[in-house]
Amino acid sequence: MNPYAWTWVAIAAAAALAFLTKYAGHVVPEAWLEHPRVHRVAGFVTVGLLAALFATQAFTSGSALVIDARVVAVAVAALLLWKRAPFIVVVAAAACVAAGLRLLGWG
């Protein structure tokens, strides 16, 4: 089978998996979903997925681990959040730091 056909096989499999996942959400008994453990685990899964997304976007470029302006911007944002700065200030400061460092040629 050529690569083009395998691409369509992968697309069809992903579509089927997405459909089955959504369907499973509708057929699970509501009593199972109201259990406190399910709520707790759902919160942990959300945090874990967001942390993984953040780490891959902030510390990688392609398949390589990089230390560039994004890391410094994240550190500035973390410091401002720790000091309880307003969120818009945190975002603006981190963006300005990253832009400034890239303007200076780092990153």
PDB file of N, CA and C in Angstrom:
ATOM      1  N   MET A   1       0.854  -1.172   0.000  1.00  0.00           N
ATOM      2  CA  MET A   1       0.000   0.000   0.000  1.00  0.00           C
ATOM      3  C   MET A   1       0.904   1.241   0.000  1.00  0.00           C
ATOM      4  N   ASN A   2       0.546   2.241  -0.778  1.00  0.00           N
ATOM      5  CA  ASN A   2       1.393   3.430  -0.854  1.00  0.00           C
ATOM      6  C   ASN A   2       1.134   4.370   0.331  1.00  0.00           C
ATOM      7  N   PRO A   3       2.025   5.326   0.567  1.00  0.00           N
ATOM      8  CA  PRO A   3       1.876   6.234   1.719  1.00  0.00           C
ATOM      9  C   PRO A   3       0.578   7.042   1.678  1.00  0.00           C
ATOM     10  N   TYR A   4       0.124   7.397   0.496  1.00  0.00           N
ATOM     11  CA  TYR A   4      -1.123   8.150   0.368  1.00  0.00           C
ATOM     12  C   TYR A   4      -2.301   7.347   0.929  1.00  0.00           C
ATOM     13  N   ALA A   5      -2.355   6.087   0.613  1.00  0.00           N
ATOM     14  CA  ALA A   5      -3.434   5.229   1.116  1.00  0.00           C
ATOM     15  C   ALA A   5      -3.336   5.063   2.627  1.00  0.00           C
ATOM     16  N   TRP A   6      -2.123   4.922   3.149  1.00  0.00           N
ATOM     17  CA  TRP A   6      -1.951   4.801   4.605  1.00  0.00           C
ATOM     18  C   TRP A   6      -2.410   6.061   5.318  1.00  0.00           C
ATOM     19  N   THR A   7      -2.223   7.210   4.685  1.00  0.00           N
ATOM     20  CA  THR A   7      -2.699   8.459   5.278  1.00  0.00           C
ATOM     21  C   THR A   7      -4.209   8.412   5.449  1.00  0.00           C
ATOM     22  N   TRP A   8      -4.922   7.938   4.425  1.00  0.00           N
ATOM     23  CA  TRP A   8      -6.372   7.864   4.523  1.00  0.00           C
ATOM     24  C   TRP A   8      -6.832   6.795   5.504  1.00  0.00           C
ATOM     25  N   VAL A   9      -6.079   5.735   5.630  1.00  0.00           N
ATOM     26  CA  VAL A   9      -6.394   4.716   6.637  1.00  0.00           C
ATOM     27  C   VAL A   9      -6.260   5.328   8.034  1.00  0.00           C
ATOM     28  N   ALA A  10      -5.199   6.096   8.244  1.00  0.00           N
ATOM     29  CA  ALA A  10      -4.993   6.742   9.544  1.00  0.00           C
ATOM     30  C   ALA A  10      -6.095   7.754   9.832  1.00  0.00           C
ATOM     31  N   ILE A  11      -6.516   8.509   8.830  1.00  0.00           N
ATOM     32  CA  ILE A  11      -7.602   9.483   9.014  1.00  0.00           C
ATOM     33  C   ILE A  11      -8.901   8.774   9.367  1.00  0.00           C
ATOM     34  N   ALA A  12      -9.210   7.695   8.668  1.00  0.00           N
ATOM     35  CA  ALA A  12     -10.441   6.936   8.957  1.00  0.00           C
ATOM     36  C   ALA A  12     -10.385   6.326  10.357  1.00  0.00           C
ATOM     37  N   ALA A  13      -9.237   5.805  10.739  1.00  0.00           N
ATOM     38  CA  ALA A  13      -9.102   5.224  12.085  1.00  0.00           C
ATOM     39  C   ALA A  13      -9.253   6.294  13.155  1.00  0.00           C
ATOM     40  N   ALA A  14      -8.669   7.467  12.929  1.00  0.00           N
ATOM     41  CA  ALA A  14      -8.801   8.555  13.902  1.00  0.00           C
ATOM     42  C   ALA A  14     -10.250   9.019  14.006  1.00  0.00           C
ATOM     43  N   ALA A  15     -10.935   9.096  12.889  1.00  0.00           N
ATOM     44  CA  ALA A  15     -12.346   9.492  12.911  1.00  0.00           C
ATOM     45  C   ALA A  15     -13.191   8.466  13.663  1.00  0.00           C
ATOM     46  N   ALA A  16     -12.931   7.190  13.421  1.00  0.00           N
ATOM     47  CA  ALA A  16     -13.672   6.136  14.126  1.00  0.00           C
ATOM     48  C   ALA A  16     -13.401   6.182  15.623  1.00  0.00           C
ATOM     49  N   LEU A  17     -12.150   6.385  15.986  1.00  0.00           N
ATOM     50  CA  LEU A  17     -11.806   6.474  17.405  1.00  0.00           C
ATOM     51  C   LEU A  17     -12.468   7.678  18.069  1.00  0.00           C
ATOM     52  N   ALA A  18     -12.487   8.814  17.377  1.00  0.00           N
ATOM     53  CA  ALA A  18     -13.151   9.996  17.923  1.00  0.00           C
ATOM     54  C   ALA A  18     -14.646   9.743  18.109  1.00  0.00           C
ATOM     55  N   PHE A  19     -15.274   9.113  17.123  1.00  0.00           N
ATOM     56  CA  PHE A  19     -16.700   8.805  17.231  1.00  0.00           C
ATOM     57  C   PHE A  19     -16.968   7.862  18.394  1.00  0.00           C
ATOM     58  N   LEU A  20     -16.179   6.800  18.505  1.00  0.00           N
ATOM     59  CA  LEU A  20     -16.400   5.828  19.579  1.00  0.00           C
ATOM     60  C   LEU A  20     -16.166   6.448  20.954  1.00  0.00           C
ATOM     61  N   THR A  21     -15.196   7.335  21.063  1.00  0.00           N
ATOM     62  CA  THR A  21     -14.949   8.012  22.341  1.00  0.00           C
ATOM     63  C   THR A  21     -16.147   8.873  22.731  1.00  0.00           C
ATOM     64  N   LYS A  22     -16.671   9.628  21.780  1.00  0.00           N
ATOM     65  CA  LYS A  22     -17.837  10.467  22.063  1.00  0.00           C
ATOM     66  C   LYS A  22     -19.067   9.610  22.370  1.00  0.00           C
ATOM     67  N   TYR A  23     -19.235   8.531  21.635  1.00  0.00           N
ATOM     68  CA  TYR A  23     -20.361   7.634  21.881  1.00  0.00           C
ATOM     69  C   TYR A  23     -20.264   7.012  23.273  1.00  0.00           C
ATOM     70  N   ALA A  24     -19.073   6.636  23.672  1.00  0.00           N
ATOM     71  CA  ALA A  24     -18.886   6.053  25.011  1.00  0.00           C
ATOM     72  C   ALA A  24     -19.288   7.050  26.087  1.00  0.00           C
ATOM     73  N   GLY A  25     -19.046   8.336  25.845  1.00  0.00           N
ATOM     74  CA  GLY A  25     -19.459   9.348  26.810  1.00  0.00           C
ATOM     75  C   GLY A  25     -20.964   9.424  26.990  1.00  0.00           C
ATOM     76  N   HIS A  26     -21.710   9.055  25.966  1.00  0.00           N
ATOM     77  CA  HIS A  26     -23.171   9.100  26.049  1.00  0.00           C
ATOM     78  C   HIS A  26     -23.770   7.841  26.665  1.00  0.00           C
ATOM     79  N   VAL A  27     -23.084   6.719  26.580  1.00  0.00           N
ATOM     80  CA  VAL A  27     -23.658   5.470  27.078  1.00  0.00           C
ATOM     81  C   VAL A  27     -23.185   5.101  28.482  1.00  0.00           C
ATOM     82  N   VAL A  28     -22.232   5.841  29.035  1.00  0.00           N
ATOM     83  CA  VAL A  28     -21.776   5.569  30.402  1.00  0.00           C
ATOM     84  C   VAL A  28     -22.889   5.983  31.366  1.00  0.00           C
ATOM     85  N   PRO A  29     -23.234   5.155  32.326  1.00  0.00           N
ATOM     86  CA  PRO A  29     -24.279   5.524  33.288  1.00  0.00           C
ATOM     87  C   PRO A  29     -23.920   6.793  34.058  1.00  0.00           C
ATOM     88  N   GLU A  30     -24.920   7.641  34.253  1.00  0.00           N
ATOM     89  CA  GLU A  30     -24.681   8.927  34.918  1.00  0.00           C
ATOM     90  C   GLU A  30     -24.188   8.745  36.347  1.00  0.00           C
ATOM     91  N   ALA A  31     -24.590   7.679  37.010  1.00  0.00           N
ATOM     92  CA  ALA A  31     -24.136   7.436  38.387  1.00  0.00           C
ATOM     93  C   ALA A  31     -22.614   7.268  38.454  1.00  0.00           C
ATOM     94  N   TRP A  32     -22.023   6.681  37.414  1.00  0.00           N
ATOM     95  CA  TRP A  32     -20.563   6.515  37.385  1.00  0.00           C
ATOM     96  C   TRP A  32     -19.875   7.874  37.280  1.00  0.00           C
ATOM     97  N   LEU A  33     -20.472   8.774  36.506  1.00  0.00           N
ATOM     98  CA  LEU A  33     -19.851  10.077  36.279  1.00  0.00           C
ATOM     99  C   LEU A  33     -19.967  10.999  37.488  1.00  0.00           C
ATOM    100  N   GLU A  34     -20.940  10.757  38.340  1.00  0.00           N
ATOM    101  CA  GLU A  34     -21.141  11.602  39.517  1.00  0.00           C
ATOM    102  C   GLU A  34     -20.294  11.182  40.710  1.00  0.00           C
ATOM    103  N   HIS A  35     -19.544  10.124  40.577  1.00  0.00           N
ATOM    104  CA  HIS A  35     -18.691   9.648  41.662  1.00  0.00           C
ATOM    105  C   HIS A  35     -17.573  10.663  41.914  1.00  0.00           C
ATOM    106  N   PRO A  36     -17.262  10.989  43.187  1.00  0.00           N
ATOM    107  CA  PRO A  36     -16.225  11.984  43.488  1.00  0.00           C
ATOM    108  C   PRO A  36     -14.845  11.628  42.914  1.00  0.00           C
ATOM    109  N   ARG A  37     -14.523  10.344  42.852  1.00  0.00           N
ATOM    110  CA  ARG A  37     -13.221   9.943  42.317  1.00  0.00           C
ATOM    111  C   ARG A  37     -13.099  10.326  40.842  1.00  0.00           C
ATOM    112  N   VAL A  38     -14.185  10.203  40.092  1.00  0.00           N
ATOM    113  CA  VAL A  38     -14.169  10.564  38.671  1.00  0.00           C
ATOM    114  C   VAL A  38     -13.894  12.053  38.512  1.00  0.00           C
ATOM    115  N   HIS A  39     -14.506  12.879  39.339  1.00  0.00           N
ATOM    116  CA  HIS A  39     -14.262  14.327  39.283  1.00  0.00           C
ATOM    117  C   HIS A  39     -12.809  14.649  39.615  1.00  0.00           C
ATOM    118  N   ARG A  40     -12.282  13.982  40.609  1.00  0.00           N
ATOM    119  CA  ARG A  40     -10.893  14.223  41.019  1.00  0.00           C
ATOM    120  C   ARG A  40      -9.918  13.811  39.913  1.00  0.00           C
ATOM    121  N   VAL A  41     -10.129  12.648  39.344  1.00  0.00           N
ATOM    122  CA  VAL A  41      -9.248  12.166  38.275  1.00  0.00           C
ATOM    123  C   VAL A  41      -9.366  13.060  37.042  1.00  0.00           C
ATOM    124  N   ALA A  42     -10.568  13.512  36.713  1.00  0.00           N
ATOM    125  CA  ALA A  42     -10.756  14.389  35.556  1.00  0.00           C
ATOM    126  C   ALA A  42      -9.966  15.683  35.741  1.00  0.00           C
ATOM    127  N   GLY A  43      -9.943  16.196  36.958  1.00  0.00           N
ATOM    128  CA  GLY A  43      -9.145  17.401  37.233  1.00  0.00           C
ATOM    129  C   GLY A  43      -7.660  17.152  37.052  1.00  0.00           C
ATOM    130  N   PHE A  44      -7.194  15.997  37.495  1.00  0.00           N
ATOM    131  CA  PHE A  44      -5.773  15.668  37.349  1.00  0.00           C
ATOM    132  C   PHE A  44      -5.389  15.472  35.885  1.00  0.00           C
ATOM    133  N   VAL A  45      -6.260  14.849  35.125  1.00  0.00           N
ATOM    134  CA  VAL A  45      -5.977  14.619  33.702  1.00  0.00           C
ATOM    135  C   VAL A  45      -5.884  15.961  32.973  1.00  0.00           C
ATOM    136  N   THR A  46      -6.777  16.885  33.291  1.00  0.00           N
ATOM    137  CA  THR A  46      -6.746  18.198  32.665  1.00  0.00           C
ATOM    138  C   THR A  46      -5.443  18.919  32.970  1.00  0.00           C
ATOM    139  N   VAL A  47      -5.032  18.910  34.212  1.00  0.00           N
ATOM    140  CA  VAL A  47      -3.785  19.567  34.593  1.00  0.00           C
ATOM    141  C   VAL A  47      -2.595  18.903  33.913  1.00  0.00           C
ATOM    142  N   GLY A  48      -2.600  17.581  33.859  1.00  0.00           N
ATOM    143  CA  GLY A  48      -1.498  16.867  33.215  1.00  0.00           C
ATOM    144  C   GLY A  48      -1.398  17.170  31.729  1.00  0.00           C
ATOM    145  N   LEU A  49      -2.532  17.204  31.049  1.00  0.00           N
ATOM    146  CA  LEU A  49      -2.518  17.514  29.620  1.00  0.00           C
ATOM    147  C   LEU A  49      -2.057  18.942  29.360  1.00  0.00           C
ATOM    148  N   LEU A  50      -2.528  19.884  30.166  1.00  0.00           N
ATOM    149  CA  LEU A  50      -2.088  21.274  29.989  1.00  0.00           C
ATOM    150  C   LEU A  50      -0.602  21.434  30.294  1.00  0.00           C
ATOM    151  N   ALA A  51      -0.103  20.736  31.300  1.00  0.00           N
ATOM    152  CA  ALA A  51       1.331  20.807  31.620  1.00  0.00           C
ATOM    153  C   ALA A  51       2.166  20.219  30.492  1.00  0.00           C
ATOM    154  N   ALA A  52       1.716  19.125  29.903  1.00  0.00           N
ATOM    155  CA  ALA A  52       2.455  18.530  28.786  1.00  0.00           C
ATOM    156  C   ALA A  52       2.453  19.456  27.575  1.00  0.00           C
ATOM    157  N   LEU A  53       1.316  20.073  27.292  1.00  0.00           N
ATOM    158  CA  LEU A  53       1.242  21.016  26.180  1.00  0.00           C
ATOM    159  C   LEU A  53       2.159  22.208  26.420  1.00  0.00           C
ATOM    160  N   PHE A  54       2.130  22.729  27.633  1.00  0.00           N
ATOM    161  CA  PHE A  54       3.002  23.853  27.977  1.00  0.00           C
ATOM    162  C   PHE A  54       4.474  23.474  27.818  1.00  0.00           C
ATOM    163  N   ALA A  55       4.853  22.329  28.325  1.00  0.00           N
ATOM    164  CA  ALA A  55       6.260  21.922  28.269  1.00  0.00           C
ATOM    165  C   ALA A  55       6.733  21.741  26.836  1.00  0.00           C
ATOM    166  N   THR A  56       5.904  21.144  25.999  1.00  0.00           N
ATOM    167  CA  THR A  56       6.335  20.942  24.617  1.00  0.00           C
ATOM    168  C   THR A  56       6.400  22.252  23.848  1.00  0.00           C
ATOM    169  N   GLN A  57       5.544  23.194  24.158  1.00  0.00           N
ATOM    170  CA  GLN A  57       5.578  24.478  23.461  1.00  0.00           C
ATOM    171  C   GLN A  57       6.670  25.397  23.979  1.00  0.00           C
ATOM    172  N   ALA A  58       6.994  25.313  25.264  1.00  0.00           N
ATOM    173  CA  ALA A  58       7.959  26.241  25.857  1.00  0.00           C
ATOM    174  C   ALA A  58       9.400  25.770  25.775  1.00  0.00           C
ATOM    175  N   PHE A  59       9.633  24.477  25.750  1.00  0.00           N
ATOM    176  CA  PHE A  59      11.006  23.977  25.881  1.00  0.00           C
ATOM    177  C   PHE A  59      11.497  23.137  24.710  1.00  0.00           C
ATOM    178  N   THR A  60      10.708  23.037  23.631  1.00  0.00           N
ATOM    179  CA  THR A  60      11.160  22.244  22.492  1.00  0.00           C
ATOM    180  C   THR A  60      11.026  23.035  21.204  1.00  0.00           C
ATOM    181  N   SER A  61      11.839  22.648  20.252  1.00  0.00           N
ATOM    182  CA  SER A  61      11.740  23.165  18.891  1.00  0.00           C
ATOM    183  C   SER A  61      11.953  21.972  17.969  1.00  0.00           C
ATOM    184  N   GLY A  62      10.887  21.555  17.302  1.00  0.00           N
ATOM    185  CA  GLY A  62      10.963  20.315  16.534  1.00  0.00           C
ATOM    186  C   GLY A  62      11.072  19.150  17.501  1.00  0.00           C
ATOM    187  N   SER A  63      12.175  18.417  17.407  1.00  0.00           N
ATOM    188  CA  SER A  63      12.379  17.299  18.331  1.00  0.00           C
ATOM    189  C   SER A  63      13.534  17.566  19.288  1.00  0.00           C
ATOM    190  N   ALA A  64      14.004  18.802  19.336  1.00  0.00           N
ATOM    191  CA  ALA A  64      15.149  19.145  20.185  1.00  0.00           C
ATOM    192  C   ALA A  64      14.697  19.966  21.393  1.00  0.00           C
ATOM    193  N   LEU A  65      15.380  19.759  22.493  1.00  0.00           N
ATOM    194  CA  LEU A  65      15.161  20.551  23.699  1.00  0.00           C
ATOM    195  C   LEU A  65      15.952  21.841  23.559  1.00  0.00           C
ATOM    196  N   VAL A  66      15.307  22.988  23.762  1.00  0.00           N
ATOM    197  CA  VAL A  66      15.978  24.273  23.566  1.00  0.00           C
ATOM    198  C   VAL A  66      15.786  25.184  24.774  1.00  0.00           C
ATOM    199  N   ILE A  67      16.775  25.999  24.992  1.00  0.00           N
ATOM    200  CA  ILE A  67      16.697  27.056  26.003  1.00  0.00           C
ATOM    201  C   ILE A  67      16.834  28.363  25.229  1.00  0.00           C
ATOM    202  N   ASP A  68      15.735  29.114  25.142  1.00  0.00           N
ATOM    203  CA  ASP A  68      15.760  30.354  24.393  1.00  0.00           C
ATOM    204  C   ASP A  68      14.916  31.408  25.098  1.00  0.00           C
ATOM    205  N   ALA A  69      14.467  32.404  24.363  1.00  0.00           N
ATOM    206  CA  ALA A  69      13.720  33.518  24.954  1.00  0.00           C
ATOM    207  C   ALA A  69      12.429  33.062  25.611  1.00  0.00           C
ATOM    208  N   ARG A  70      11.851  31.970  25.133  1.00  0.00           N
ATOM    209  CA  ARG A  70      10.601  31.494  25.726  1.00  0.00           C
ATOM    210  C   ARG A  70      10.785  31.071  27.175  1.00  0.00           C
ATOM    211  N   VAL A  71      11.923  30.467  27.490  1.00  0.00           N
ATOM    212  CA  VAL A  71      12.180  30.010  28.851  1.00  0.00           C
ATOM    213  C   VAL A  71      12.274  31.198  29.799  1.00  0.00           C
ATOM    214  N   VAL A  72      12.979  32.238  29.366  1.00  0.00           N
ATOM    215  CA  VAL A  72      13.093  33.442  30.192  1.00  0.00           C
ATOM    216  C   VAL A  72      11.727  34.101  30.345  1.00  0.00           C
ATOM    217  N   ALA A  73      10.934  34.138  29.281  1.00  0.00           N
ATOM    218  CA  ALA A  73       9.596  34.722  29.365  1.00  0.00           C
ATOM    219  C   ALA A  73       8.707  33.937  30.330  1.00  0.00           C
ATOM    220  N   VAL A  74       8.821  32.627  30.321  1.00  0.00           N
ATOM    221  CA  VAL A  74       8.051  31.800  31.258  1.00  0.00           C
ATOM    222  C   VAL A  74       8.496  32.075  32.694  1.00  0.00           C
ATOM    223  N   ALA A  75       9.793  32.238  32.905  1.00  0.00           N
ATOM    224  CA  ALA A  75      10.301  32.546  34.244  1.00  0.00           C
ATOM    225  C   ALA A  75       9.768  33.899  34.724  1.00  0.00           C
ATOM    226  N   VAL A  76       9.746  34.888  33.838  1.00  0.00           N
ATOM    227  CA  VAL A  76       9.204  36.204  34.197  1.00  0.00           C
ATOM    228  C   VAL A  76       7.715  36.086  34.535  1.00  0.00           C
ATOM    229  N   ALA A  77       6.989  35.332  33.733  1.00  0.00           N
ATOM    230  CA  ALA A  77       5.563  35.142  33.995  1.00  0.00           C
ATOM    231  C   ALA A  77       5.340  34.445  35.332  1.00  0.00           C
ATOM    232  N   ALA A  78       6.138  33.419  35.620  1.00  0.00           N
ATOM    233  CA  ALA A  78       5.992  32.702  36.895  1.00  0.00           C
ATOM    234  C   ALA A  78       6.277  33.631  38.072  1.00  0.00           C
ATOM    235  N   LEU A  79       7.296  34.448  37.940  1.00  0.00           N
ATOM    236  CA  LEU A  79       7.626  35.403  39.012  1.00  0.00           C
ATOM    237  C   LEU A  79       6.493  36.394  39.228  1.00  0.00           C
ATOM    238  N   LEU A  80       5.949  36.923  38.150  1.00  0.00           N
ATOM    239  CA  LEU A  80       4.843  37.877  38.279  1.00  0.00           C
ATOM    240  C   LEU A  80       3.587  37.216  38.837  1.00  0.00           C
ATOM    241  N   LEU A  81       3.322  35.990  38.448  1.00  0.00           N
ATOM    242  CA  LEU A  81       2.179  35.284  39.025  1.00  0.00           C
ATOM    243  C   LEU A  81       2.382  35.022  40.512  1.00  0.00           C
ATOM    244  N   TRP A  82       3.616  34.710  40.878  1.00  0.00           N
ATOM    245  CA  TRP A  82       3.924  34.485  42.288  1.00  0.00           C
ATOM    246  C   TRP A  82       3.722  35.766  43.092  1.00  0.00           C
ATOM    247  N   LYS A  83       4.019  36.910  42.470  1.00  0.00           N
ATOM    248  CA  LYS A  83       3.827  38.214  43.129  1.00  0.00           C
ATOM    249  C   LYS A  83       2.385  38.705  43.007  1.00  0.00           C
ATOM    250  N   ARG A  84       1.520  37.879  42.417  1.00  0.00           N
ATOM    251  CA  ARG A  84       0.093  38.152  42.265  1.00  0.00           C
ATOM    252  C   ARG A  84      -0.195  39.372  41.396  1.00  0.00           C
ATOM    253  N   ALA A  85       0.537  39.495  40.313  1.00  0.00           N
ATOM    254  CA  ALA A  85       0.271  40.563  39.347  1.00  0.00           C
ATOM    255  C   ALA A  85      -0.987  40.201  38.554  1.00  0.00           C
ATOM    256  N   PRO A  86      -1.685  41.207  38.032  1.00  0.00           N
ATOM    257  CA  PRO A  86      -2.852  40.909  37.192  1.00  0.00           C
ATOM    258  C   PRO A  86      -2.442  40.110  35.952  1.00  0.00           C
ATOM    259  N   PHE A  87      -3.334  39.249  35.498  1.00  0.00           N
ATOM    260  CA  PHE A  87      -3.006  38.326  34.419  1.00  0.00           C
ATOM    261  C   PHE A  87      -2.581  39.059  33.146  1.00  0.00           C
ATOM    262  N   ILE A  88      -3.251  40.155  32.817  1.00  0.00           N
ATOM    263  CA  ILE A  88      -2.892  40.890  31.599  1.00  0.00           C
ATOM    264  C   ILE A  88      -1.480  41.450  31.703  1.00  0.00           C
ATOM    265  N   VAL A  89      -1.072  41.837  32.902  1.00  0.00           N
ATOM    266  CA  VAL A  89       0.295  42.324  33.117  1.00  0.00           C
ATOM    267  C   VAL A  89       1.290  41.180  32.925  1.00  0.00           C
ATOM    268  N   VAL A  90       0.936  40.006  33.420  1.00  0.00           N
ATOM    269  CA  VAL A  90       1.805  38.833  33.273  1.00  0.00           C
ATOM    270  C   VAL A  90       2.005  38.509  31.797  1.00  0.00           C
ATOM    271  N   VAL A  91       0.927  38.462  31.042  1.00  0.00           N
ATOM    272  CA  VAL A  91       1.011  38.131  29.620  1.00  0.00           C
ATOM    273  C   VAL A  91       1.801  39.187  28.864  1.00  0.00           C
ATOM    274  N   ALA A  92       1.503  40.459  29.128  1.00  0.00           N
ATOM    275  CA  ALA A  92       2.206  41.537  28.430  1.00  0.00           C
ATOM    276  C   ALA A  92       3.695  41.545  28.767  1.00  0.00           C
ATOM    277  N   ALA A  93       4.034  41.353  30.023  1.00  0.00           N
ATOM    278  CA  ALA A  93       5.444  41.357  30.419  1.00  0.00           C
ATOM    279  C   ALA A  93       6.195  40.186  29.803  1.00  0.00           C
ATOM    280  N   ALA A  94       5.599  39.004  29.814  1.00  0.00           N
ATOM    281  CA  ALA A  94       6.253  37.842  29.216  1.00  0.00           C
ATOM    282  C   ALA A  94       6.434  38.029  27.716  1.00  0.00           C
ATOM    283  N   ALA A  95       5.438  38.582  27.049  1.00  0.00           N
ATOM    284  CA  ALA A  95       5.553  38.832  25.610  1.00  0.00           C
ATOM    285  C   ALA A  95       6.637  39.860  25.321  1.00  0.00           C
ATOM    286  N   CYS A  96       6.697  40.913  26.136  1.00  0.00           N
ATOM    287  CA  CYS A  96       7.723  41.946  25.930  1.00  0.00           C
ATOM    288  C   CYS A  96       9.121  41.388  26.175  1.00  0.00           C
ATOM    289  N   VAL A  97       9.281  40.565  27.185  1.00  0.00           N
ATOM    290  CA  VAL A  97      10.591  39.965  27.466  1.00  0.00           C
ATOM    291  C   VAL A  97      11.019  39.068  26.314  1.00  0.00           C
ATOM    292  N   ALA A  98      10.117  38.222  25.834  1.00  0.00           N
ATOM    293  CA  ALA A  98      10.450  37.332  24.720  1.00  0.00           C
ATOM    294  C   ALA A  98      10.769  38.133  23.464  1.00  0.00           C
ATOM    295  N   ALA A  99       9.971  39.153  23.182  1.00  0.00           N
ATOM    296  CA  ALA A  99      10.224  39.982  21.997  1.00  0.00           C
ATOM    297  C   ALA A  99      11.545  40.732  22.120  1.00  0.00           C
ATOM    298  N   GLY A 100      11.824  41.269  23.315  1.00  0.00           N
ATOM    299  CA  GLY A 100      13.080  41.990  23.519  1.00  0.00           C
ATOM    300  C   GLY A 100      14.293  41.088  23.348  1.00  0.00           C
ATOM    301  N   LEU A 101      14.227  39.896  23.914  1.00  0.00           N
ATOM    302  CA  LEU A 101      15.353  38.968  23.771  1.00  0.00           C
ATOM    303  C   LEU A 101      15.537  38.513  22.323  1.00  0.00           C
ATOM    304  N   ARG A 102      14.449  38.312  21.626  1.00  0.00           N
ATOM    305  CA  ARG A 102      14.569  37.930  20.215  1.00  0.00           C
ATOM    306  C   ARG A 102      15.089  39.093  19.382  1.00  0.00           C
ATOM    307  N   LEU A 103      14.724  40.309  19.745  1.00  0.00           N
ATOM    308  CA  LEU A 103      15.245  41.492  19.044  1.00  0.00           C
ATOM    309  C   LEU A 103      16.749  41.608  19.245  1.00  0.00           C
ATOM    310  N   LEU A 104      17.213  41.195  20.436  1.00  0.00           N
ATOM    311  CA  LEU A 104      18.653  41.213  20.721  1.00  0.00           C
ATOM    312  C   LEU A 104      19.384  40.027  20.099  1.00  0.00           C
ATOM    313  N   GLY A 105      18.637  39.115  19.491  1.00  0.00           N
ATOM    314  CA  GLY A 105      19.270  38.012  18.784  1.00  0.00           C
ATOM    315  C   GLY A 105      19.314  36.705  19.540  1.00  0.00           C
ATOM    316  N   TRP A 106      18.626  36.609  20.673  1.00  0.00           N
ATOM    317  CA  TRP A 106      18.638  35.357  21.426  1.00  0.00           C
ATOM    318  C   TRP A 106      17.282  34.689  21.312  1.00  0.00           C
ATOM    319  N   GLY A 107      17.231  33.594  20.624  1.00  0.00           N
ATOM    320  CA  GLY A 107      15.988  32.856  20.561  1.00  0.00           C
ATOM    321  C   GLY A 107      15.439  32.754  19.203  1.00  0.00           C
TER     322      GLY A 107
END
